[in-house]
Amino acid sequence: MMERVVITGLGLVSPLGNEVDTFWKALIKGESGITNIDTFDTNGYKAKIGGIVRDFDAEARFGRKETRRMDRFCQFAVAAAEDAMRDSALDLAQLNLERTGVYVGSGIGGIQTLMQQKDMLNTRGPERVSPLLVPMMISNMAAAMISIRFGATGPAMSPVTACSIGNTAIGEAFRLIRAGGADVVIAGGAEAAVTEIAMASFGNATALSTRNDDPTGASRPFDAGRDGFVMAEGAGILILESLTHAKARNARIYAEVTGYGASSDAYHMVATHPQGTGAYQAMKLALNEAGVKPEDVDVISAHATSTEVGDRSETEAIKRLFGDMAYQIPVTANKSMLGHMLGAAGGVEAIALIKSLQTGIIPPTINQEQKDAVCDLDYVPNHARHVNMQIGMSNSFGFGGHNAVIVIQKYEVDSFSY
């Protein structure tokens, strides 16, 4: 018999706050975390807005020496992991660390450190480049530093599936625990790419919204006036446990992961498949693994970045899978308020879905003003909604055609067994 997998801890760093409760209250109020970028001079940039993490003092948390050894994305990841571990009430002294894994990834990794050290090379020469450049820059360092922090010697992995990283990490951790390969896995993603070079590149690719005079109205998934995504940063980390392990320590259980589906569009370097074939396949696989019928899904947390093709293709995929039922299932887009947190998006959006199942509240998709003839589903426009929910599905898709979908359910003591 395979293990059931439950969620016992949550931690995040986000443009809407760095504690889960603060984040959740802002999300269900429909508040936007998008502001003018003030961390560098945006003169000459096409996009001048972003989802910036505020009130995050790494030195106060880690000390000056430790902070200087971690890129910003890694600081976010470790902070979120610490909060998730604290929230889970896991006792390290009682934990079998050989059976504790870390599955945390980042899409771009330490790009800020790379650019800082490139400037150092240009201005002060090769002798002044930090010997820690490479270990600070590589994207697996978030998983490594979390593993070091807690002494977790079980399986460690840093998935790099672009913007689907969080769901990939959670899904693969789910399968590891289900198969008996670990008791506990710290899983999620982190990103800190709101930097000069990334903003310039995405801007030149015409991928970003240029509603610079209206930051809070810029990210508008499924709206006919959408003009691109808004870059954001942060981290989202979950603690996954086998049900056996969680029950043995009388843990508080938030929810249960029951299905995971992954696929590739096999289509284009950056564009989604216009018909959403990979998204459809990943959603179908996730529901099949969960043993859930399409009509049993109560809410869909959409990837929904606010791009023209992406939002339409995801809508098409949902229609294909759910048929006429697609019009009856609420579809919410957290990125309308958070912006696109890239590798951190899946973890943070999973936390939002868990809170929805727990509270019976679906966050709104804000900035719904003009209807798109193709994007015609129920996107929970502009105001949160109270719904009795048992089963939610969260979509994450990434550059290169990576698709990862997870199914999260309310925890029921005798709901089912594998």
Protein backbone atom coordinates (compact mmCIF):
# COMPACT_ATOMS: atom_id res chain seq x y z
CA MET A 1 0.00 0.00 0.00
CA MET A 2 1.34 3.40 -0.94
CA GLU A 3 1.59 6.21 1.59
CA ARG A 4 -0.87 9.08 1.64
CA VAL A 5 0.86 12.47 1.55
CA VAL A 6 -0.25 15.42 3.64
CA ILE A 7 0.80 19.05 4.03
CA THR A 8 1.74 20.11 7.55
CA GLY A 9 3.68 23.37 7.15
CA LEU A 10 3.52 26.54 5.05
CA GLY A 11 6.01 29.37 4.55
CA LEU A 12 6.37 32.16 2.03
CA VAL A 13 7.96 35.44 1.04
CA SER A 14 5.88 37.51 -1.37
CA PRO A 15 4.93 40.94 -2.71
CA LEU A 16 1.78 40.66 -0.54
CA GLY A 17 3.61 39.95 2.70
CA ASN A 18 6.10 37.57 4.23
CA GLU A 19 3.76 35.69 6.56
CA VAL A 20 1.02 33.36 5.37
CA ASP A 21 -1.77 35.13 7.27
CA THR A 22 -0.75 38.59 6.01
CA PHE A 23 -0.51 37.26 2.46
CA TRP A 24 -3.86 35.49 2.62
CA LYS A 25 -5.77 38.46 4.02
CA ALA A 26 -4.41 40.70 1.25
CA LEU A 27 -5.16 38.10 -1.43
CA ILE A 28 -8.81 37.61 -0.53
CA LYS A 29 -9.28 41.39 -0.31
CA GLY A 30 -8.11 41.65 -3.91
CA GLU A 31 -5.12 43.80 -3.05
CA SER A 32 -2.30 44.12 -5.58
CA GLY A 33 1.36 43.80 -4.67
CA ILE A 34 2.53 45.42 -7.92
CA THR A 35 4.35 48.74 -7.59
CA ASN A 36 6.84 50.91 -9.45
CA ILE A 37 10.29 49.35 -9.35
CA ASP A 38 12.51 51.43 -7.05
CA THR A 39 15.37 48.98 -6.58
CA PHE A 40 17.18 50.28 -9.68
CA ASP A 41 16.83 53.10 -12.19
CA THR A 42 14.20 52.03 -14.74
CA ASN A 43 14.86 54.89 -17.14
CA GLY A 44 15.01 53.39 -20.65
CA TYR A 45 13.25 50.15 -19.68
CA LYS A 46 10.02 49.22 -21.40
CA ALA A 47 8.48 47.85 -18.19
CA LYS A 48 9.01 49.79 -14.97
CA ILE A 49 6.76 47.85 -12.59
CA GLY A 50 7.10 44.65 -10.61
CA GLY A 51 6.10 42.61 -7.59
CA ILE A 52 8.83 43.53 -5.10
CA VAL A 53 9.28 41.81 -1.74
CA ARG A 54 9.19 44.51 0.93
CA ASP A 55 10.15 44.51 4.60
CA PHE A 56 12.55 41.61 4.21
CA ASP A 57 15.67 42.18 6.32
CA ALA A 58 18.03 39.32 5.57
CA GLU A 59 20.79 40.59 7.86
CA ALA A 60 18.42 40.81 10.81
CA ARG A 61 17.36 37.24 10.13
CA PHE A 62 20.60 35.52 9.17
CA GLY A 63 23.36 37.90 10.25
CA ARG A 64 25.64 39.89 7.97
CA LYS A 65 28.14 37.12 7.24
CA GLU A 66 25.54 34.50 6.33
CA THR A 67 23.52 36.98 4.28
CA ARG A 68 26.54 37.86 2.14
CA ARG A 69 26.97 34.17 1.28
CA MET A 70 23.47 33.82 -0.17
CA ASP A 71 21.92 35.41 -3.23
CA ARG A 72 18.54 37.05 -2.67
CA PHE A 73 16.63 34.07 -4.13
CA CYS A 74 18.38 31.79 -1.65
CA GLN A 75 17.62 34.11 1.26
CA PHE A 76 13.95 33.98 0.33
CA ALA A 77 14.00 30.17 0.09
CA VAL A 78 15.71 29.62 3.42
CA ALA A 79 13.45 32.12 5.18
CA ALA A 80 10.29 30.49 3.78
CA ALA A 81 11.61 27.03 4.66
CA GLU A 82 12.37 28.09 8.22
CA ASP A 83 8.84 29.46 8.58
CA ALA A 84 7.32 26.32 7.07
CA MET A 85 9.31 24.08 9.39
CA ARG A 86 8.31 26.17 12.38
CA ASP A 87 4.69 26.05 11.24
CA SER A 88 4.84 22.26 10.95
CA ALA A 89 6.09 21.91 14.55
CA LEU A 90 8.53 19.22 13.41
CA ASP A 91 11.10 18.49 16.10
CA LEU A 92 14.55 18.13 14.52
CA ALA A 93 15.75 16.18 17.53
CA GLN A 94 13.07 13.56 16.88
CA LEU A 95 13.23 13.64 13.06
CA ASN A 96 14.96 10.93 11.04
CA LEU A 97 17.07 13.31 8.95
CA GLU A 98 18.13 10.49 6.63
CA ARG A 99 14.48 10.31 5.56
CA THR A 100 14.01 14.06 5.26
CA GLY A 101 14.35 15.46 1.74
CA VAL A 102 14.56 18.91 0.15
CA TYR A 103 13.01 19.52 -3.28
CA VAL A 104 13.37 23.26 -3.91
CA GLY A 105 14.18 24.91 -7.24
CA SER A 106 14.69 28.25 -8.94
CA GLY A 107 14.26 29.13 -12.58
CA ILE A 108 17.02 31.71 -12.88
CA GLY A 109 18.97 31.32 -9.66
CA GLY A 110 21.43 33.94 -8.48
CA ILE A 111 21.24 36.37 -11.37
CA GLN A 112 21.69 39.34 -9.04
CA THR A 113 24.98 37.95 -7.76
CA LEU A 114 26.13 37.21 -11.30
CA MET A 115 25.54 40.78 -12.43
CA GLN A 116 27.16 42.26 -9.32
CA GLN A 117 30.28 40.17 -9.82
CA LYS A 118 30.38 40.93 -13.55
CA ASP A 119 30.47 44.63 -12.59
CA MET A 120 33.24 43.84 -10.11
CA LEU A 121 35.23 42.10 -12.84
CA ASN A 122 34.83 45.05 -15.20
CA THR A 123 35.62 47.77 -12.68
CA ARG A 124 38.16 46.18 -10.32
CA GLY A 125 39.60 43.19 -12.18
CA PRO A 126 39.58 39.40 -11.87
CA GLU A 127 41.29 39.33 -8.49
CA ARG A 128 38.29 41.00 -6.87
CA VAL A 129 35.66 38.57 -8.16
CA SER A 130 34.15 36.60 -5.28
CA PRO A 131 35.22 32.96 -5.01
CA LEU A 132 31.63 32.31 -3.94
CA LEU A 133 30.17 33.58 -7.22
CA VAL A 134 29.37 30.16 -8.67
CA PRO A 135 27.97 28.54 -5.50
CA MET A 136 25.85 31.64 -4.87
CA MET A 137 24.61 31.75 -8.46
CA ILE A 138 23.66 28.15 -9.22
CA SER A 139 19.98 27.40 -8.76
CA ASN A 140 20.41 24.26 -6.66
CA MET A 141 21.86 26.32 -3.84
CA ALA A 142 18.44 27.01 -2.31
CA ALA A 143 17.90 23.28 -1.80
CA ALA A 144 21.48 22.90 -0.60
CA MET A 145 21.29 25.70 1.96
CA ILE A 146 17.96 24.44 3.31
CA SER A 147 19.42 20.95 3.60
CA ILE A 148 22.45 22.34 5.45
CA ARG A 149 20.24 24.48 7.69
CA PHE A 150 18.26 21.52 8.97
CA GLY A 151 20.80 18.73 8.53
CA ALA A 152 18.47 16.96 6.13
CA THR A 153 20.50 14.20 4.47
CA GLY A 154 17.67 12.57 2.52
CA PRO A 155 17.06 13.04 -1.21
CA ALA A 156 17.69 16.61 -2.40
CA MET A 157 16.73 17.95 -5.80
CA SER A 158 16.51 21.31 -7.52
CA PRO A 159 14.05 21.00 -10.40
CA VAL A 160 14.53 23.57 -13.16
CA THR A 161 11.30 23.55 -15.12
CA ALA A 162 11.02 27.33 -15.47
CA CYS A 163 7.74 28.71 -14.11
CA SER A 164 6.37 25.26 -13.25
CA ILE A 165 9.14 24.59 -10.71
CA GLY A 166 7.00 24.85 -7.57
CA ASN A 167 4.49 22.28 -8.79
CA THR A 168 7.25 20.05 -10.14
CA ALA A 169 8.95 20.08 -6.73
CA ILE A 170 5.71 19.42 -4.84
CA GLY A 171 4.64 16.73 -7.28
CA GLU A 172 7.95 14.89 -7.26
CA ALA A 173 8.13 15.15 -3.46
CA PHE A 174 4.60 13.72 -3.28
CA ARG A 175 5.65 10.72 -5.37
CA LEU A 176 8.84 10.19 -3.33
CA ILE A 177 6.92 10.05 -0.07
CA ARG A 178 4.08 8.00 -1.55
CA ALA A 179 6.59 5.38 -2.70
CA GLY A 180 8.20 5.22 0.76
CA GLY A 181 11.43 7.04 -0.15
CA ALA A 182 11.12 9.71 2.55
CA ASP A 183 9.00 10.64 5.56
CA VAL A 184 9.25 14.41 5.12
CA VAL A 185 10.12 16.64 2.17
CA ILE A 186 10.59 20.41 2.19
CA ALA A 187 9.29 21.41 -1.24
CA GLY A 188 8.73 24.53 -3.34
CA GLY A 189 10.53 27.24 -5.26
CA ALA A 190 12.17 30.65 -5.01
CA GLU A 191 13.06 33.49 -7.36
CA ALA A 192 14.63 36.96 -7.25
CA ALA A 193 14.88 38.00 -10.89
CA VAL A 194 13.51 41.56 -10.76
CA THR A 195 16.90 42.79 -11.94
CA GLU A 196 18.15 45.12 -14.65
CA ILE A 197 19.17 42.47 -17.16
CA ALA A 198 16.12 40.25 -16.70
CA MET A 199 13.72 43.18 -16.98
CA ALA A 200 15.52 44.40 -20.07
CA SER A 201 15.42 40.97 -21.74
CA PHE A 202 11.79 40.19 -20.96
CA GLY A 203 10.85 43.72 -21.94
CA ASN A 204 12.60 43.45 -25.29
CA ALA A 205 10.79 40.16 -25.84
CA THR A 206 7.51 42.12 -25.42
CA ALA A 207 6.53 39.65 -22.70
CA LEU A 208 5.97 42.22 -19.96
CA SER A 209 3.07 44.54 -19.33
CA THR A 210 3.92 48.17 -20.04
CA ARG A 211 1.01 49.68 -18.09
CA ASN A 212 3.61 51.64 -16.17
CA ASP A 213 1.16 54.36 -15.19
CA ASP A 214 -1.17 51.81 -13.59
CA PRO A 215 0.90 49.26 -11.64
CA THR A 216 -1.97 47.69 -9.70
CA GLY A 217 -4.01 47.32 -12.88
CA ALA A 218 -1.22 45.90 -15.02
CA SER A 219 -1.57 42.18 -14.36
CA ARG A 220 -4.97 41.22 -15.76
CA PRO A 221 -5.24 37.52 -16.59
CA PHE A 222 -8.03 36.59 -19.01
CA ASP A 223 -9.01 40.24 -19.50
CA ALA A 224 -9.20 41.43 -23.12
CA GLY A 225 -6.91 44.34 -22.27
CA ARG A 226 -4.02 42.21 -20.99
CA ASP A 227 -0.64 43.08 -22.48
CA GLY A 228 1.87 40.81 -20.77
CA PHE A 229 2.98 39.55 -17.38
CA VAL A 230 4.44 41.49 -14.46
CA MET A 231 7.70 40.18 -13.04
CA ALA A 232 7.70 39.39 -9.33
CA GLU A 233 9.89 37.71 -6.73
CA GLY A 234 9.62 35.61 -3.57
CA ALA A 235 9.44 32.02 -2.35
CA GLY A 236 6.80 29.45 -1.46
CA ILE A 237 7.68 26.37 0.61
CA LEU A 238 5.51 23.49 1.85
CA ILE A 239 6.25 20.69 4.28
CA LEU A 240 5.01 17.37 2.91
CA GLU A 241 4.79 14.31 5.15
CA SER A 242 3.57 10.78 4.92
CA LEU A 243 0.27 10.45 6.71
CA THR A 244 1.81 7.73 8.87
CA HIS A 245 4.55 10.07 10.02
CA ALA A 246 2.21 13.00 10.59
CA LYS A 247 -0.27 10.94 12.60
CA ALA A 248 2.49 9.43 14.73
CA ARG A 249 3.42 12.88 15.99
CA ASN A 250 -0.19 14.15 16.10
CA ALA A 251 0.58 16.86 13.53
CA ARG A 252 -1.89 19.48 12.36
CA ILE A 253 -2.74 18.64 8.76
CA TYR A 254 -3.67 21.40 6.32
CA ALA A 255 -4.57 19.29 3.30
CA GLU A 256 -3.59 16.29 1.23
CA VAL A 257 -1.77 16.03 -2.10
CA THR A 258 -3.49 13.34 -4.14
CA GLY A 259 -2.36 13.77 -7.74
CA TYR A 260 0.40 15.12 -9.97
CA GLY A 261 0.65 15.37 -13.72
CA ALA A 262 3.60 16.50 -15.83
CA SER A 263 3.99 16.92 -19.58
CA SER A 264 5.84 18.80 -22.30
CA ASP A 265 4.30 20.86 -25.08
CA ALA A 266 7.13 19.80 -27.43
CA TYR A 267 6.23 22.91 -29.36
CA HIS A 268 8.23 26.12 -28.87
CA MET A 269 11.05 27.67 -26.86
CA VAL A 270 8.87 30.26 -25.14
CA ALA A 271 5.32 30.12 -26.55
CA THR A 272 2.62 27.87 -25.15
CA HIS A 273 0.92 25.48 -27.49
CA PRO A 274 -2.04 27.45 -28.89
CA GLN A 275 -4.48 24.63 -28.14
CA GLY A 276 -2.97 23.95 -24.72
CA THR A 277 -2.32 20.29 -25.50
CA GLY A 278 0.42 19.88 -22.91
CA ALA A 279 -1.61 21.67 -20.25
CA TYR A 280 -4.59 19.42 -21.00
CA GLN A 281 -2.40 16.32 -20.75
CA ALA A 282 -0.88 17.36 -17.40
CA MET A 283 -4.28 18.21 -15.91
CA LYS A 284 -5.74 14.92 -17.09
CA LEU A 285 -2.83 12.93 -15.63
CA ALA A 286 -3.11 14.74 -12.29
CA LEU A 287 -6.82 14.01 -11.98
CA ASN A 288 -6.32 10.39 -13.01
CA GLU A 289 -3.64 9.86 -10.37
CA ALA A 290 -5.85 11.49 -7.75
CA GLY A 291 -8.78 9.29 -8.76
CA VAL A 292 -10.86 12.42 -9.24
CA LYS A 293 -13.50 12.92 -11.91
CA PRO A 294 -13.49 16.32 -13.66
CA GLU A 295 -16.94 17.10 -12.28
CA ASP A 296 -15.62 16.68 -8.72
CA VAL A 297 -13.14 19.57 -8.98
CA ASP A 298 -14.36 22.57 -6.98
CA VAL A 299 -11.77 25.19 -7.94
CA ILE A 300 -8.90 25.65 -10.39
CA SER A 301 -5.90 27.81 -9.56
CA ALA A 302 -4.81 28.88 -13.03
CA HIS A 303 -1.29 29.56 -14.23
CA ALA A 304 -2.72 32.61 -16.00
CA THR A 305 0.22 34.98 -16.44
CA SER A 306 -1.73 37.72 -18.27
CA THR A 307 -0.27 37.03 -21.70
CA GLU A 308 -2.42 36.93 -24.82
CA VAL A 309 -1.67 33.39 -26.00
CA GLY A 310 -0.99 31.83 -22.62
CA ASP A 311 -4.33 32.71 -21.04
CA ARG A 312 -6.27 31.65 -24.13
CA SER A 313 -4.48 28.31 -24.43
CA GLU A 314 -5.03 27.51 -20.74
CA THR A 315 -8.71 28.33 -21.13
CA GLU A 316 -8.89 26.02 -24.16
CA ALA A 317 -7.19 23.23 -22.20
CA ILE A 318 -9.66 23.59 -19.33
CA LYS A 319 -12.60 23.47 -21.75
CA ARG A 320 -11.22 20.40 -23.47
CA LEU A 321 -10.79 18.50 -20.20
CA PHE A 322 -13.93 19.59 -18.37
CA GLY A 323 -16.32 20.01 -21.29
CA ASP A 324 -19.52 21.84 -20.37
CA MET A 325 -18.53 21.58 -16.69
CA ALA A 326 -15.73 24.07 -17.38
CA TYR A 327 -18.25 26.91 -17.16
CA GLN A 328 -19.34 25.85 -13.68
CA ILE A 329 -15.92 25.60 -12.02
CA PRO A 330 -14.44 28.77 -10.51
CA VAL A 331 -11.02 29.57 -12.01
CA THR A 332 -8.87 31.96 -10.00
CA ALA A 333 -5.64 33.72 -11.03
CA ASN A 334 -3.42 34.76 -8.13
CA LYS A 335 -0.95 36.43 -10.50
CA SER A 336 -3.45 39.25 -11.01
CA MET A 337 -2.36 40.42 -7.54
CA LEU A 338 1.08 38.88 -7.09
CA GLY A 339 2.54 39.25 -10.56
CA HIS A 340 4.50 36.32 -11.96
CA MET A 341 6.94 34.99 -9.38
CA LEU A 342 8.49 32.60 -11.94
CA GLY A 343 10.04 29.66 -10.08
CA ALA A 344 8.34 30.73 -6.84
CA ALA A 345 4.85 30.90 -8.34
CA GLY A 346 3.80 27.27 -7.93
CA GLY A 347 4.70 27.06 -4.25
CA VAL A 348 2.99 30.32 -3.35
CA GLU A 349 -0.12 29.47 -5.38
CA ALA A 350 -0.29 26.04 -3.74
CA ILE A 351 -0.37 27.79 -0.37
CA ALA A 352 -3.21 30.00 -1.60
CA LEU A 353 -5.14 26.92 -2.78
CA ILE A 354 -4.62 25.21 0.57
CA LYS A 355 -5.97 28.29 2.36
CA SER A 356 -8.97 28.29 -0.02
CA LEU A 357 -9.80 24.70 0.85
CA GLN A 358 -9.31 25.43 4.53
CA THR A 359 -11.42 28.61 4.68
CA GLY A 360 -13.92 28.13 1.86
CA ILE A 361 -12.84 31.38 0.21
CA ILE A 362 -11.66 31.69 -3.39
CA PRO A 363 -9.44 34.74 -4.03
CA PRO A 364 -10.58 36.94 -6.90
CA THR A 365 -9.00 37.49 -10.27
CA ILE A 366 -8.73 41.26 -10.19
CA ASN A 367 -8.65 43.72 -13.09
CA GLN A 368 -11.50 42.00 -14.91
CA GLU A 369 -12.88 44.85 -17.00
CA GLN A 370 -13.14 43.75 -20.64
CA LYS A 371 -14.38 40.30 -21.58
CA ASP A 372 -12.34 38.24 -24.02
CA ALA A 373 -14.57 36.23 -26.36
CA VAL A 374 -12.35 33.15 -25.96
CA CYS A 375 -11.58 33.54 -22.25
CA ASP A 376 -15.18 33.10 -21.18
CA LEU A 377 -15.02 30.94 -18.05
CA ASP A 378 -15.88 31.91 -14.47
CA TYR A 379 -12.70 33.68 -13.37
CA VAL A 380 -14.09 34.87 -10.00
CA PRO A 381 -13.96 38.47 -11.22
CA ASN A 382 -12.77 41.20 -8.86
CA HIS A 383 -14.30 39.90 -5.62
CA ALA A 384 -13.54 36.86 -3.45
CA ARG A 385 -16.18 34.15 -3.27
CA HIS A 386 -17.32 31.84 -0.47
CA VAL A 387 -17.67 28.26 -1.74
CA ASN A 388 -17.79 24.88 -0.04
CA MET A 389 -14.72 23.14 -1.49
CA GLN A 390 -13.15 19.72 -1.17
CA ILE A 391 -10.89 19.40 -4.22
CA GLY A 392 -8.67 21.94 -5.96
CA MET A 393 -6.30 21.77 -8.90
CA SER A 394 -3.30 24.07 -9.41
CA ASN A 395 -1.70 24.64 -12.82
CA SER A 396 1.87 25.76 -13.51
CA PHE A 397 3.44 26.02 -16.95
CA GLY A 398 6.93 27.14 -17.99
CA PHE A 399 9.15 28.23 -20.86
CA GLY A 400 10.20 25.31 -23.01
CA GLY A 401 6.75 23.76 -22.69
CA HIS A 402 7.04 22.35 -19.16
CA ASN A 403 3.67 21.67 -17.53
CA ALA A 404 3.08 20.58 -13.93
CA VAL A 405 -0.30 20.21 -12.25
CA ILE A 406 -1.10 19.14 -8.71
CA VAL A 407 -4.38 18.11 -7.07
CA ILE A 408 -4.89 19.13 -3.44
CA GLN A 409 -7.81 17.95 -1.35
CA LYS A 410 -9.18 18.61 2.09
CA TYR A 411 -7.80 16.03 4.44
CA GLU A 412 -10.37 13.39 5.30
CA VAL A 413 -9.42 10.68 7.75
CA ASP A 414 -10.98 7.83 5.77
CA SER A 415 -11.15 9.46 2.34
CA PHE A 416 -9.29 6.77 0.43
CA SER A 417 -6.12 4.70 0.37
CA TYR A 418 -3.70 3.93 -2.44
